């Protein structure tokens, strides 16, 4: 059953999210997502999957693991970002902060 972004089978929007083979109200036009309930029309026999420009090809992931060779992951930077996010930026950036 189709799951994910497909070209809008109703040709109302660029793309429409399909869930378990059924069209949803989640649509995308020019990369901007919004909501628009699907029309009460039958689905065409063929659904066309879409791959936005710049995304990973089907079957491949553009995600990288932190332990991969060449990874730029830093535990120190991750801790700092977490503290910064939880404190609204004031905690680590002010003089006398933790870092």
PDB file of N, CA and C in Angstrom:
ATOM      1  N   UNK A   1       0.843  -1.185   0.000  1.00  0.00           N
ATOM      2  CA  UNK A   1       0.000   0.000   0.000  1.00  0.00           C
ATOM      3  C   UNK A   1       0.882   1.240   0.000  1.00  0.00           C
ATOM      4  N   UNK A   2       0.575   2.190  -0.843  1.00  0.00           N
ATOM      5  CA  UNK A   2       1.392   3.404  -0.906  1.00  0.00           C
ATOM      6  C   UNK A   2       1.409   4.168   0.417  1.00  0.00           C
ATOM      7  N   UNK A   3       2.601   4.601   0.803  1.00  0.00           N
ATOM      8  CA  UNK A   3       2.802   5.402   2.011  1.00  0.00           C
ATOM      9  C   UNK A   3       3.862   6.438   1.682  1.00  0.00           C
ATOM     10  N   UNK A   4       3.559   7.709   1.857  1.00  0.00           N
ATOM     11  CA  UNK A   4       4.527   8.763   1.591  1.00  0.00           C
ATOM     12  C   UNK A   4       4.004   9.774   0.589  1.00  0.00           C
ATOM     13  N   UNK A   5       4.942  10.570   0.065  1.00  0.00           N
ATOM     14  CA  UNK A   5       4.584  11.620  -0.893  1.00  0.00           C
ATOM     15  C   UNK A   5       4.431  11.030  -2.291  1.00  0.00           C
ATOM     16  N   UNK A   6       3.339  11.404  -2.930  1.00  0.00           N
ATOM     17  CA  UNK A   6       3.070  11.028  -4.322  1.00  0.00           C
ATOM     18  C   UNK A   6       2.593  12.260  -5.057  1.00  0.00           C
ATOM     19  N   UNK A   7       2.782  12.257  -6.374  1.00  0.00           N
ATOM     20  CA  UNK A   7       2.220  13.336  -7.175  1.00  0.00           C
ATOM     21  C   UNK A   7       0.724  13.344  -6.890  1.00  0.00           C
ATOM     22  N   UNK A   8       0.133  14.519  -6.734  1.00  0.00           N
ATOM     23  CA  UNK A   8      -1.290  14.585  -6.392  1.00  0.00           C
ATOM     24  C   UNK A   8      -2.108  13.922  -7.501  1.00  0.00           C
ATOM     25  N   UNK A   9      -2.756  12.806  -7.193  1.00  0.00           N
ATOM     26  CA  UNK A   9      -3.508  12.097  -8.229  1.00  0.00           C
ATOM     27  C   UNK A   9      -4.704  12.878  -8.743  1.00  0.00           C
ATOM     28  N   UNK A  10      -5.103  13.924  -8.034  1.00  0.00           N
ATOM     29  CA  UNK A  10      -6.241  14.739  -8.453  1.00  0.00           C
ATOM     30  C   UNK A  10      -5.793  15.984  -9.216  1.00  0.00           C
ATOM     31  N   UNK A  11      -4.475  16.188  -9.324  1.00  0.00           N
ATOM     32  CA  UNK A  11      -3.878  17.328 -10.038  1.00  0.00           C
ATOM     33  C   UNK A  11      -4.324  18.678  -9.479  1.00  0.00           C
ATOM     34  N   UNK A  12      -4.607  18.711  -8.184  1.00  0.00           N
ATOM     35  CA  UNK A  12      -4.965  19.972  -7.533  1.00  0.00           C
ATOM     36  C   UNK A  12      -3.712  20.628  -6.963  1.00  0.00           C
ATOM     37  N   UNK A  13      -2.811  19.808  -6.437  1.00  0.00           N
ATOM     38  CA  UNK A  13      -1.560  20.273  -5.840  1.00  0.00           C
ATOM     39  C   UNK A  13      -0.396  19.535  -6.493  1.00  0.00           C
ATOM     40  N   UNK A  14       0.832  19.961  -6.150  1.00  0.00           N
ATOM     41  CA  UNK A  14       2.005  19.255  -6.685  1.00  0.00           C
ATOM     42  C   UNK A  14       2.056  17.828  -6.149  1.00  0.00           C
ATOM     43  N   UNK A  15       1.983  17.690  -4.821  1.00  0.00           N
ATOM     44  CA  UNK A  15       2.119  16.387  -4.184  1.00  0.00           C
ATOM     45  C   UNK A  15       1.041  16.221  -3.117  1.00  0.00           C
ATOM     46  N   UNK A  16       0.756  14.960  -2.794  1.00  0.00           N
ATOM     47  CA  UNK A  16      -0.202  14.650  -1.729  1.00  0.00           C
ATOM     48  C   UNK A  16       0.329  13.459  -0.944  1.00  0.00           C
ATOM     49  N   UNK A  17       0.217  13.510   0.390  1.00  0.00           N
ATOM     50  CA  UNK A  17       0.665  12.414   1.238  1.00  0.00           C
ATOM     51  C   UNK A  17      -0.364  11.296   1.180  1.00  0.00           C
ATOM     52  N   UNK A  18       0.142  10.093   0.927  1.00  0.00           N
ATOM     53  CA  UNK A  18      -0.714   8.911   0.901  1.00  0.00           C
ATOM     54  C   UNK A  18      -0.429   8.099   2.167  1.00  0.00           C
ATOM     55  N   UNK A  19      -1.484   7.623   2.807  1.00  0.00           N
ATOM     56  CA  UNK A  19      -1.338   6.806   4.003  1.00  0.00           C
ATOM     57  C   UNK A  19      -2.140   5.532   3.816  1.00  0.00           C
ATOM     58  N   UNK A  20      -1.445   4.401   3.827  1.00  0.00           N
ATOM     59  CA  UNK A  20      -2.055   3.095   3.624  1.00  0.00           C
ATOM     60  C   UNK A  20      -2.889   3.062   2.336  1.00  0.00           C
ATOM     61  N   UNK A  21      -2.357   3.707   1.314  1.00  0.00           N
ATOM     62  CA  UNK A  21      -3.003   3.698   0.008  1.00  0.00           C
ATOM     63  C   UNK A  21      -4.127   4.699  -0.154  1.00  0.00           C
ATOM     64  N   UNK A  22      -4.379   5.507   0.871  1.00  0.00           N
ATOM     65  CA  UNK A  22      -5.467   6.485   0.803  1.00  0.00           C
ATOM     66  C   UNK A  22      -4.903   7.905   0.810  1.00  0.00           C
ATOM     67  N   UNK A  23      -5.488   8.809   0.005  1.00  0.00           N
ATOM     68  CA  UNK A  23      -5.016  10.196   0.009  1.00  0.00           C
ATOM     69  C   UNK A  23      -5.389  10.880   1.325  1.00  0.00           C
ATOM     70  N   UNK A  24      -4.485  11.723   1.812  1.00  0.00           N
ATOM     71  CA  UNK A  24      -4.755  12.486   3.032  1.00  0.00           C
ATOM     72  C   UNK A  24      -4.922  13.955   2.681  1.00  0.00           C
ATOM     73  N   UNK A  25      -5.182  14.768   3.691  1.00  0.00           N
ATOM     74  CA  UNK A  25      -5.340  16.201   3.465  1.00  0.00           C
ATOM     75  C   UNK A  25      -4.000  16.934   3.401  1.00  0.00           C
ATOM     76  N   UNK A  26      -2.887  16.253   3.731  1.00  0.00           N
ATOM     77  CA  UNK A  26      -1.563  16.873   3.702  1.00  0.00           C
ATOM     78  C   UNK A  26      -1.081  16.986   2.260  1.00  0.00           C
ATOM     79  N   UNK A  27      -0.853  18.217   1.821  1.00  0.00           N
ATOM     80  CA  UNK A  27      -0.431  18.474   0.441  1.00  0.00           C
ATOM     81  C   UNK A  27       0.820  19.334   0.433  1.00  0.00           C
ATOM     82  N   UNK A  28       1.455  19.404  -0.727  1.00  0.00           N
ATOM     83  CA  UNK A  28       2.680  20.194  -0.867  1.00  0.00           C
ATOM     84  C   UNK A  28       2.674  20.855  -2.237  1.00  0.00           C
ATOM     85  N   UNK A  29       2.996  22.146  -2.241  1.00  0.00           N
ATOM     86  CA  UNK A  29       3.131  22.918  -3.476  1.00  0.00           C
ATOM     87  C   UNK A  29       4.416  23.731  -3.399  1.00  0.00           C
ATOM     88  N   UNK A  30       5.327  23.486  -4.325  1.00  0.00           N
ATOM     89  CA  UNK A  30       6.579  24.225  -4.334  1.00  0.00           C
ATOM     90  C   UNK A  30       7.361  24.061  -3.043  1.00  0.00           C
ATOM     91  N   UNK A  31       7.244  22.923  -2.382  1.00  0.00           N
ATOM     92  CA  UNK A  31       7.974  22.677  -1.143  1.00  0.00           C
ATOM     93  C   UNK A  31       7.263  23.167   0.101  1.00  0.00           C
ATOM     94  N   UNK A  32       6.130  23.858  -0.045  1.00  0.00           N
ATOM     95  CA  UNK A  32       5.376  24.352   1.099  1.00  0.00           C
ATOM     96  C   UNK A  32       4.221  23.406   1.392  1.00  0.00           C
ATOM     97  N   UNK A  33       4.180  22.920   2.624  1.00  0.00           N
ATOM     98  CA  UNK A  33       3.129  21.990   3.016  1.00  0.00           C
ATOM     99  C   UNK A  33       1.928  22.727   3.574  1.00  0.00           C
ATOM    100  N   UNK A  34       0.751  22.197   3.300  1.00  0.00           N
ATOM    101  CA  UNK A  34      -0.498  22.747   3.825  1.00  0.00           C
ATOM    102  C   UNK A  34      -1.524  21.625   3.853  1.00  0.00           C
ATOM    103  N   UNK A  35      -2.753  21.978   4.194  1.00  0.00           N
ATOM    104  CA  UNK A  35      -3.824  21.001   4.263  1.00  0.00           C
ATOM    105  C   UNK A  35      -4.923  21.332   3.266  1.00  0.00           C
ATOM    106  N   UNK A  36      -5.413  20.317   2.593  1.00  0.00           N
ATOM    107  CA  UNK A  36      -6.551  20.450   1.691  1.00  0.00           C
ATOM    108  C   UNK A  36      -7.160  19.056   1.549  1.00  0.00           C
ATOM    109  N   UNK A  37      -8.360  18.866   2.073  1.00  0.00           N
ATOM    110  CA  UNK A  37      -8.964  17.530   1.990  1.00  0.00           C
ATOM    111  C   UNK A  37      -9.028  17.048   0.543  1.00  0.00           C
ATOM    112  N   UNK A  38      -8.826  15.752   0.331  1.00  0.00           N
ATOM    113  CA  UNK A  38      -8.878  15.236  -1.033  1.00  0.00           C
ATOM    114  C   UNK A  38     -10.299  15.304  -1.580  1.00  0.00           C
ATOM    115  N   UNK A  39     -10.439  15.548  -2.892  1.00  0.00           N
ATOM    116  CA  UNK A  39     -11.780  15.557  -3.479  1.00  0.00           C
ATOM    117  C   UNK A  39     -12.414  14.166  -3.412  1.00  0.00           C
ATOM    118  N   UNK A  40     -13.697  14.147  -3.457  1.00  0.00           N
ATOM    119  CA  UNK A  40     -14.430  12.878  -3.410  1.00  0.00           C
ATOM    120  C   UNK A  40     -14.476  12.282  -4.817  1.00  0.00           C
ATOM    121  N   UNK A  41     -13.308  11.842  -5.278  1.00  0.00           N
ATOM    122  CA  UNK A  41     -13.158  11.245  -6.608  1.00  0.00           C
ATOM    123  C   UNK A  41     -12.417   9.934  -6.466  1.00  0.00           C
ATOM    124  N   UNK A  42     -12.616   9.011  -7.396  1.00  0.00           N
ATOM    125  CA  UNK A  42     -11.850   7.761  -7.327  1.00  0.00           C
ATOM    126  C   UNK A  42     -10.376   8.008  -7.628  1.00  0.00           C
ATOM    127  N   UNK A  43      -9.522   7.205  -7.008  1.00  0.00           N
ATOM    128  CA  UNK A  43      -8.083   7.295  -7.277  1.00  0.00           C
ATOM    129  C   UNK A  43      -7.777   6.677  -8.634  1.00  0.00           C
ATOM    130  N   UNK A  44      -6.823   7.240  -9.350  1.00  0.00           N
ATOM    131  CA  UNK A  44      -6.403   6.598 -10.596  1.00  0.00           C
ATOM    132  C   UNK A  44      -5.702   5.271 -10.286  1.00  0.00           C
ATOM    133  N   UNK A  45      -5.601   4.410 -11.253  1.00  0.00           N
ATOM    134  CA  UNK A  45      -4.979   3.100 -11.056  1.00  0.00           C
ATOM    135  C   UNK A  45      -3.500   3.211 -10.729  1.00  0.00           C
ATOM    136  N   UNK A  46      -2.827   4.219 -11.268  1.00  0.00           N
ATOM    137  CA  UNK A  46      -1.388   4.364 -11.087  1.00  0.00           C
ATOM    138  C   UNK A  46      -1.077   5.605 -10.264  1.00  0.00           C
ATOM    139  N   UNK A  47      -0.384   5.420  -9.139  1.00  0.00           N
ATOM    140  CA  UNK A  47       0.088   6.534  -8.330  1.00  0.00           C
ATOM    141  C   UNK A  47       1.568   6.728  -8.622  1.00  0.00           C
ATOM    142  N   UNK A  48       1.978   7.990  -8.769  1.00  0.00           N
ATOM    143  CA  UNK A  48       3.359   8.303  -9.124  1.00  0.00           C
ATOM    144  C   UNK A  48       4.099   8.823  -7.898  1.00  0.00           C
ATOM    145  N   UNK A  49       5.074   8.042  -7.384  1.00  0.00           N
ATOM    146  CA  UNK A  49       5.850   8.532  -6.238  1.00  0.00           C
ATOM    147  C   UNK A  49       6.654   9.758  -6.628  1.00  0.00           C
ATOM    148  N   UNK A  50       6.846  10.653  -5.699  1.00  0.00           N
ATOM    149  CA  UNK A  50       7.651  11.834  -6.009  1.00  0.00           C
ATOM    150  C   UNK A  50       8.882  11.859  -5.121  1.00  0.00           C
ATOM    151  N   UNK A  51       9.943  12.404  -5.654  1.00  0.00           N
ATOM    152  CA  UNK A  51      11.183  12.588  -4.934  1.00  0.00           C
ATOM    153  C   UNK A  51      11.552  14.050  -5.060  1.00  0.00           C
ATOM    154  N   UNK A  52      11.411  14.819  -3.971  1.00  0.00           N
ATOM    155  CA  UNK A  52      11.761  16.237  -4.060  1.00  0.00           C
ATOM    156  C   UNK A  52      13.220  16.415  -4.432  1.00  0.00           C
ATOM    157  N   UNK A  53      13.504  17.486  -5.128  1.00  0.00           N
ATOM    158  CA  UNK A  53      14.889  17.771  -5.509  1.00  0.00           C
ATOM    159  C   UNK A  53      15.756  17.854  -4.273  1.00  0.00           C
ATOM    160  N   UNK A  54      16.932  17.257  -4.376  1.00  0.00           N
ATOM    161  CA  UNK A  54      17.878  17.317  -3.273  1.00  0.00           C
ATOM    162  C   UNK A  54      17.709  16.210  -2.255  1.00  0.00           C
ATOM    163  N   UNK A  55      16.681  15.371  -2.398  1.00  0.00           N
ATOM    164  CA  UNK A  55      16.528  14.297  -1.428  1.00  0.00           C
ATOM    165  C   UNK A  55      17.311  13.076  -1.875  1.00  0.00           C
ATOM    166  N   UNK A  56      17.444  12.144  -0.968  1.00  0.00           N
ATOM    167  CA  UNK A  56      18.187  10.926  -1.282  1.00  0.00           C
ATOM    168  C   UNK A  56      17.392  10.071  -2.257  1.00  0.00           C
ATOM    169  N   UNK A  57      18.048   9.388  -3.164  1.00  0.00           N
ATOM    170  CA  UNK A  57      17.340   8.495  -4.072  1.00  0.00           C
ATOM    171  C   UNK A  57      16.624   7.397  -3.297  1.00  0.00           C
ATOM    172  N   UNK A  58      15.588   6.836  -3.894  1.00  0.00           N
ATOM    173  CA  UNK A  58      14.811   5.787  -3.236  1.00  0.00           C
ATOM    174  C   UNK A  58      15.730   4.655  -2.800  1.00  0.00           C
ATOM    175  N   UNK A  59      15.509   4.154  -1.599  1.00  0.00           N
ATOM    176  CA  UNK A  59      16.309   3.055  -1.083  1.00  0.00           C
ATOM    177  C   UNK A  59      17.611   3.478  -0.434  1.00  0.00           C
ATOM    178  N   UNK A  60      17.951   4.749  -0.496  1.00  0.00           N
ATOM    179  CA  UNK A  60      19.175   5.240   0.129  1.00  0.00           C
ATOM    180  C   UNK A  60      18.810   6.320   1.116  1.00  0.00           C
ATOM    181  N   UNK A  61      19.628   6.487   2.084  1.00  0.00           N
ATOM    182  CA  UNK A  61      19.368   7.494   3.108  1.00  0.00           C
ATOM    183  C   UNK A  61      20.459   8.559   3.080  1.00  0.00           C
ATOM    184  N   UNK A  62      20.052   9.803   3.313  1.00  0.00           N
ATOM    185  CA  UNK A  62      21.038  10.868   3.415  1.00  0.00           C
ATOM    186  C   UNK A  62      21.427  11.099   4.881  1.00  0.00           C
ATOM    187  N   UNK A  63      20.911  10.246   5.776  1.00  0.00           N
ATOM    188  CA  UNK A  63      21.276  10.343   7.183  1.00  0.00           C
ATOM    189  C   UNK A  63      22.603   9.651   7.425  1.00  0.00           C
ATOM    190  N   UNK A  64      23.368  10.191   8.370  1.00  0.00           N
ATOM    191  CA  UNK A  64      24.651   9.587   8.706  1.00  0.00           C
ATOM    192  C   UNK A  64      24.657   9.258  10.179  1.00  0.00           C
ATOM    193  N   UNK A  65      25.353   8.205  10.524  1.00  0.00           N
ATOM    194  CA  UNK A  65      25.500   7.809  11.917  1.00  0.00           C
ATOM    195  C   UNK A  65      26.629   8.605  12.550  1.00  0.00           C
ATOM    196  N   UNK A  66      26.499   8.866  13.849  1.00  0.00           N
ATOM    197  CA  UNK A  66      27.519   9.625  14.561  1.00  0.00           C
ATOM    198  C   UNK A  66      28.841   8.882  14.620  1.00  0.00           C
ATOM    199  N   UNK A  67      28.812   7.548  14.568  1.00  0.00           N
ATOM    200  CA  UNK A  67      30.050   6.781  14.669  1.00  0.00           C
ATOM    201  C   UNK A  67      30.655   6.441  13.307  1.00  0.00           C
ATOM    202  N   UNK A  68      30.116   6.991  12.219  1.00  0.00           N
ATOM    203  CA  UNK A  68      30.697   6.756  10.892  1.00  0.00           C
ATOM    204  C   UNK A  68      32.024   7.489  10.764  1.00  0.00           C
ATOM    205  N   UNK A  69      32.898   6.921   9.969  1.00  0.00           N
ATOM    206  CA  UNK A  69      34.168   7.595   9.698  1.00  0.00           C
ATOM    207  C   UNK A  69      33.875   8.937   9.037  1.00  0.00           C
ATOM    208  N   UNK A  70      34.568   9.948   9.452  1.00  0.00           N
ATOM    209  CA  UNK A  70      34.388  11.267   8.849  1.00  0.00           C
ATOM    210  C   UNK A  70      33.242  12.057   9.452  1.00  0.00           C
ATOM    211  N   UNK A  71      32.593  11.515  10.473  1.00  0.00           N
ATOM    212  CA  UNK A  71      31.484  12.220  11.099  1.00  0.00           C
ATOM    213  C   UNK A  71      32.008  13.439  11.847  1.00  0.00           C
ATOM    214  N   UNK A  72      31.249  14.513  11.820  1.00  0.00           N
ATOM    215  CA  UNK A  72      31.661  15.716  12.542  1.00  0.00           C
ATOM    216  C   UNK A  72      30.920  15.849  13.875  1.00  0.00           C
ATOM    217  N   UNK A  73      30.310  14.751  14.335  1.00  0.00           N
ATOM    218  CA  UNK A  73      29.571  14.763  15.592  1.00  0.00           C
ATOM    219  C   UNK A  73      30.508  15.022  16.759  1.00  0.00           C
ATOM    220  N   UNK A  74      30.064  15.872  17.667  1.00  0.00           N
ATOM    221  CA  UNK A  74      30.848  16.192  18.851  1.00  0.00           C
ATOM    222  C   UNK A  74      29.926  16.136  20.070  1.00  0.00           C
ATOM    223  N   UNK A  75      30.275  15.284  21.047  1.00  0.00           N
ATOM    224  CA  UNK A  75      29.459  15.206  22.265  1.00  0.00           C
ATOM    225  C   UNK A  75      29.411  16.556  22.972  1.00  0.00           C
ATOM    226  N   UNK A  76      30.529  17.262  22.979  1.00  0.00           N
ATOM    227  CA  UNK A  76      30.575  18.559  23.655  1.00  0.00           C
ATOM    228  C   UNK A  76      29.617  19.545  22.989  1.00  0.00           C
ATOM    229  N   UNK A  77      29.638  19.591  21.654  1.00  0.00           N
ATOM    230  CA  UNK A  77      28.727  20.495  20.940  1.00  0.00           C
ATOM    231  C   UNK A  77      27.279  20.071  21.135  1.00  0.00           C
ATOM    232  N   UNK A  78      27.020  18.757  21.183  1.00  0.00           N
ATOM    233  CA  UNK A  78      25.656  18.272  21.390  1.00  0.00           C
ATOM    234  C   UNK A  78      25.142  18.667  22.771  1.00  0.00           C
ATOM    235  N   UNK A  79      25.981  18.503  23.803  1.00  0.00           N
ATOM    236  CA  UNK A  79      25.590  18.914  25.160  1.00  0.00           C
ATOM    237  C   UNK A  79      25.327  20.411  25.202  1.00  0.00           C
ATOM    238  N   UNK A  80      26.195  21.162  24.580  1.00  0.00           N
ATOM    239  CA  UNK A  80      26.045  22.620  24.577  1.00  0.00           C
ATOM    240  C   UNK A  80      24.746  23.026  23.881  1.00  0.00           C
ATOM    241  N   UNK A  81      24.454  22.394  22.755  1.00  0.00           N
ATOM    242  CA  UNK A  81      23.218  22.709  22.026  1.00  0.00           C
ATOM    243  C   UNK A  81      21.996  22.363  22.866  1.00  0.00           C
ATOM    244  N   UNK A  82      22.041  21.227  23.579  1.00  0.00           N
ATOM    245  CA  UNK A  82      20.916  20.836  24.427  1.00  0.00           C
ATOM    246  C   UNK A  82      20.716  21.840  25.557  1.00  0.00           C
ATOM    247  N   UNK A  83      21.798  22.243  26.200  1.00  0.00           N
ATOM    248  CA  UNK A  83      21.691  23.237  27.271  1.00  0.00           C
ATOM    249  C   UNK A  83      21.206  24.574  26.728  1.00  0.00           C
ATOM    250  N   UNK A  84      21.730  24.957  25.603  1.00  0.00           N
ATOM    251  CA  UNK A  84      21.350  26.216  24.985  1.00  0.00           C
ATOM    252  C   UNK A  84      19.863  26.220  24.640  1.00  0.00           C
ATOM    253  N   UNK A  85      19.378  25.118  24.080  1.00  0.00           N
ATOM    254  CA  UNK A  85      17.969  25.026  23.698  1.00  0.00           C
ATOM    255  C   UNK A  85      17.067  25.055  24.923  1.00  0.00           C
ATOM    256  N   UNK A  86      17.465  24.354  25.975  1.00  0.00           N
ATOM    257  CA  UNK A  86      16.611  24.294  27.164  1.00  0.00           C
ATOM    258  C   UNK A  86      16.614  25.605  27.936  1.00  0.00           C
ATOM    259  N   UNK A  87      17.660  26.407  27.790  1.00  0.00           N
ATOM    260  CA  UNK A  87      17.749  27.661  28.538  1.00  0.00           C
ATOM    261  C   UNK A  87      17.408  28.869  27.672  1.00  0.00           C
ATOM    262  N   UNK A  88      16.945  28.648  26.479  1.00  0.00           N
ATOM    263  CA  UNK A  88      16.592  29.777  25.616  1.00  0.00           C
ATOM    264  C   UNK A  88      17.787  30.569  25.153  1.00  0.00           C
ATOM    265  N   UNK A  89      18.977  30.004  25.202  1.00  0.00           N
ATOM    266  CA  UNK A  89      20.167  30.664  24.708  1.00  0.00           C
ATOM    267  C   UNK A  89      20.956  31.420  25.751  1.00  0.00           C
ATOM    268  N   UNK A  90      20.333  31.743  26.887  1.00  0.00           N
ATOM    269  CA  UNK A  90      21.012  32.556  27.889  1.00  0.00           C
ATOM    270  C   UNK A  90      21.997  31.759  28.736  1.00  0.00           C
ATOM    271  N   UNK A  91      21.756  30.491  28.909  1.00  0.00           N
ATOM    272  CA  UNK A  91      22.524  29.681  29.844  1.00  0.00           C
ATOM    273  C   UNK A  91      23.988  29.534  29.463  1.00  0.00           C
ATOM    274  N   UNK A  92      24.273  29.258  28.241  1.00  0.00           N
ATOM    275  CA  UNK A  92      25.655  28.994  27.857  1.00  0.00           C
ATOM    276  C   UNK A  92      26.334  30.176  27.183  1.00  0.00           C
ATOM    277  N   UNK A  93      25.574  31.135  26.712  1.00  0.00           N
ATOM    278  CA  UNK A  93      26.180  32.244  25.984  1.00  0.00           C
ATOM    279  C   UNK A  93      26.549  33.434  26.870  1.00  0.00           C
ATOM    280  N   UNK A  94      26.004  33.499  28.070  1.00  0.00           N
ATOM    281  CA  UNK A  94      26.302  34.619  28.937  1.00  0.00           C
ATOM    282  C   UNK A  94      27.666  34.440  29.601  1.00  0.00           C
ATOM    283  N   UNK A  95      28.350  35.530  29.890  1.00  0.00           N
ATOM    284  CA  UNK A  95      29.616  35.424  30.602  1.00  0.00           C
ATOM    285  C   UNK A  95      29.418  34.669  31.911  1.00  0.00           C
ATOM    286  N   UNK A  96      30.325  33.749  32.194  1.00  0.00           N
ATOM    287  CA  UNK A  96      30.209  32.959  33.411  1.00  0.00           C
ATOM    288  C   UNK A  96      29.319  31.736  33.240  1.00  0.00           C
ATOM    289  N   UNK A  97      28.840  31.509  32.003  1.00  0.00           N
ATOM    290  CA  UNK A  97      28.007  30.319  31.748  1.00  0.00           C
ATOM    291  C   UNK A  97      28.852  29.058  31.849  1.00  0.00           C
ATOM    292  N   UNK A  98      28.255  27.939  31.630  1.00  0.00           N
ATOM    293  CA  UNK A  98      28.956  26.658  31.786  1.00  0.00           C
ATOM    294  C   UNK A  98      30.072  26.463  30.791  1.00  0.00           C
ATOM    295  N   UNK A  99      29.998  27.042  29.628  1.00  0.00           N
ATOM    296  CA  UNK A  99      31.008  26.756  28.595  1.00  0.00           C
ATOM    297  C   UNK A  99      31.838  27.961  28.376  1.00  0.00           C
TER     298      UNK A  99
END
